[in-house]
Amino acid sequence: MRGMTAGSVEVTSDGTVRGMVGGDVIVASGVDATIRGMIAGDVIVEPGARVRITGMVSGRVVNHGGMVEVEGMVAG
């Protein structure tokens, strides 16, 4: 995903989120995702998901049983 999204985004396939998301980012179970953009809301990680955050998250990271690596910034 690239560009700007006003609302929340659900990531349902492996890949990278770039750009700006005005809401939450939900990473579905089993998905391998990298977040390089700016997230205004929370990042919600479902069971079995793998997430690397190298961008900025204004909200919180809520982990429901996945794997999370943070190299960027989480403000919440």
C-alpha atoms as a PDB file:
ATOM      1  CA  MET A   1       0.000   0.000   0.000  1.00  0.00           C
ATOM      2  CA  ARG A   2       1.231   3.488  -0.853  1.00  0.00           C
ATOM      3  CA  GLY A   3      -0.118   6.993  -0.638  1.00  0.00           C
ATOM      4  CA  MET A   4      -2.516   8.538   1.820  1.00  0.00           C
ATOM      5  CA  THR A   5      -5.539   6.812   3.378  1.00  0.00           C
ATOM      6  CA  ALA A   6      -7.968   8.781   5.543  1.00  0.00           C
ATOM      7  CA  GLY A   7      -9.389   5.840   7.503  1.00  0.00           C
ATOM      8  CA  SER A   8      -8.201   2.525   8.858  1.00  0.00           C
ATOM      9  CA  VAL A   9      -6.494  -0.159   6.767  1.00  0.00           C
ATOM     10  CA  GLU A  10      -6.531  -3.942   7.114  1.00  0.00           C
ATOM     11  CA  VAL A  11      -3.419  -5.660   5.766  1.00  0.00           C
ATOM     12  CA  THR A  12      -4.471  -9.099   4.515  1.00  0.00           C
ATOM     13  CA  SER A  13      -1.439 -10.089   2.430  1.00  0.00           C
ATOM     14  CA  ASP A  14       2.336  -9.896   2.866  1.00  0.00           C
ATOM     15  CA  GLY A  15       3.884  -6.557   1.939  1.00  0.00           C
ATOM     16  CA  THR A  16       4.876  -3.044   2.971  1.00  0.00           C
ATOM     17  CA  VAL A  17       2.717  -0.143   4.110  1.00  0.00           C
ATOM     18  CA  ARG A  18       4.181   3.169   2.911  1.00  0.00           C
ATOM     19  CA  GLY A  19       2.718   6.645   3.065  1.00  0.00           C
ATOM     20  CA  MET A  20       0.242   7.925   5.629  1.00  0.00           C
ATOM     21  CA  VAL A  21      -2.732   6.196   7.265  1.00  0.00           C
ATOM     22  CA  GLY A  22      -5.175   8.439   9.133  1.00  0.00           C
ATOM     23  CA  GLY A  23      -6.630   5.618  11.238  1.00  0.00           C
ATOM     24  CA  ASP A  24      -5.506   2.222  12.515  1.00  0.00           C
ATOM     25  CA  VAL A  25      -3.553  -0.464  10.691  1.00  0.00           C
ATOM     26  CA  ILE A  26      -4.787  -3.998  11.407  1.00  0.00           C
ATOM     27  CA  VAL A  27      -2.409  -6.784  10.364  1.00  0.00           C
ATOM     28  CA  ALA A  28      -4.330 -10.034   9.820  1.00  0.00           C
ATOM     29  CA  SER A  29      -3.279 -13.439  11.146  1.00  0.00           C
ATOM     30  CA  GLY A  30      -0.423 -15.052   9.234  1.00  0.00           C
ATOM     31  CA  VAL A  31       0.565 -11.870   7.384  1.00  0.00           C
ATOM     32  CA  ASP A  32       4.195 -10.673   7.212  1.00  0.00           C
ATOM     33  CA  ALA A  33       4.162  -6.857   6.961  1.00  0.00           C
ATOM     34  CA  THR A  34       6.563  -3.930   7.209  1.00  0.00           C
ATOM     35  CA  ILE A  35       5.273  -0.499   8.179  1.00  0.00           C
ATOM     36  CA  ARG A  36       7.491   2.291   6.800  1.00  0.00           C
ATOM     37  CA  GLY A  37       4.999   5.145   6.755  1.00  0.00           C
ATOM     38  CA  MET A  38       3.229   7.292   9.322  1.00  0.00           C
ATOM     39  CA  ILE A  39       0.246   5.821  11.165  1.00  0.00           C
ATOM     40  CA  ALA A  40      -2.033   8.288  12.990  1.00  0.00           C
ATOM     41  CA  GLY A  41      -3.851   5.580  14.962  1.00  0.00           C
ATOM     42  CA  ASP A  42      -2.876   2.204  16.418  1.00  0.00           C
ATOM     43  CA  VAL A  43      -1.191  -0.813  14.860  1.00  0.00           C
ATOM     44  CA  ILE A  44      -3.163  -3.933  15.779  1.00  0.00           C
ATOM     45  CA  VAL A  45      -1.331  -7.234  15.298  1.00  0.00           C
ATOM     46  CA  GLU A  46      -3.495 -10.359  15.079  1.00  0.00           C
ATOM     47  CA  PRO A  47      -2.276 -13.810  16.249  1.00  0.00           C
ATOM     48  CA  GLY A  48       0.462 -15.267  14.041  1.00  0.00           C
ATOM     49  CA  ALA A  49       1.199 -12.026  12.170  1.00  0.00           C
ATOM     50  CA  ARG A  50       4.744 -10.655  11.855  1.00  0.00           C
ATOM     51  CA  VAL A  51       5.203  -6.872  11.792  1.00  0.00           C
ATOM     52  CA  ARG A  52       8.303  -4.724  11.442  1.00  0.00           C
ATOM     53  CA  ILE A  53       7.770  -1.034  12.227  1.00  0.00           C
ATOM     54  CA  THR A  54      10.428   1.264  10.775  1.00  0.00           C
ATOM     55  CA  GLY A  55       8.143   4.286  10.447  1.00  0.00           C
ATOM     56  CA  MET A  56       6.150   6.272  13.007  1.00  0.00           C
ATOM     57  CA  VAL A  57       3.030   5.225  14.934  1.00  0.00           C
ATOM     58  CA  SER A  58       1.192   8.023  16.753  1.00  0.00           C
ATOM     59  CA  GLY A  59      -0.974   5.588  18.697  1.00  0.00           C
ATOM     60  CA  ARG A  60      -0.192   2.264  20.352  1.00  0.00           C
ATOM     61  CA  VAL A  61       0.950  -1.135  19.160  1.00  0.00           C
ATOM     62  CA  VAL A  62      -1.608  -3.718  20.292  1.00  0.00           C
ATOM     63  CA  ASN A  63      -0.238  -7.242  19.974  1.00  0.00           C
ATOM     64  CA  HIS A  64      -2.791 -10.080  20.112  1.00  0.00           C
ATOM     65  CA  GLY A  65      -0.187 -12.846  19.736  1.00  0.00           C
ATOM     66  CA  GLY A  66       1.978 -11.942  16.775  1.00  0.00           C
ATOM     67  CA  MET A  67       5.656 -11.009  16.457  1.00  0.00           C
ATOM     68  CA  VAL A  68       6.533  -7.294  16.482  1.00  0.00           C
ATOM     69  CA  GLU A  69       9.889  -5.600  15.834  1.00  0.00           C
ATOM     70  CA  VAL A  70      10.162  -1.840  16.330  1.00  0.00           C
ATOM     71  CA  GLU A  71      13.013   0.103  14.763  1.00  0.00           C
ATOM     72  CA  GLY A  72      10.977   3.272  14.282  1.00  0.00           C
ATOM     73  CA  MET A  73       8.977   5.364  16.723  1.00  0.00           C
ATOM     74  CA  VAL A  74       5.810   4.547  18.701  1.00  0.00           C
ATOM     75  CA  ALA A  75       4.397   7.590  20.494  1.00  0.00           C
ATOM     76  CA  GLY A  76       1.365   6.097  22.235  1.00  0.00           C
END
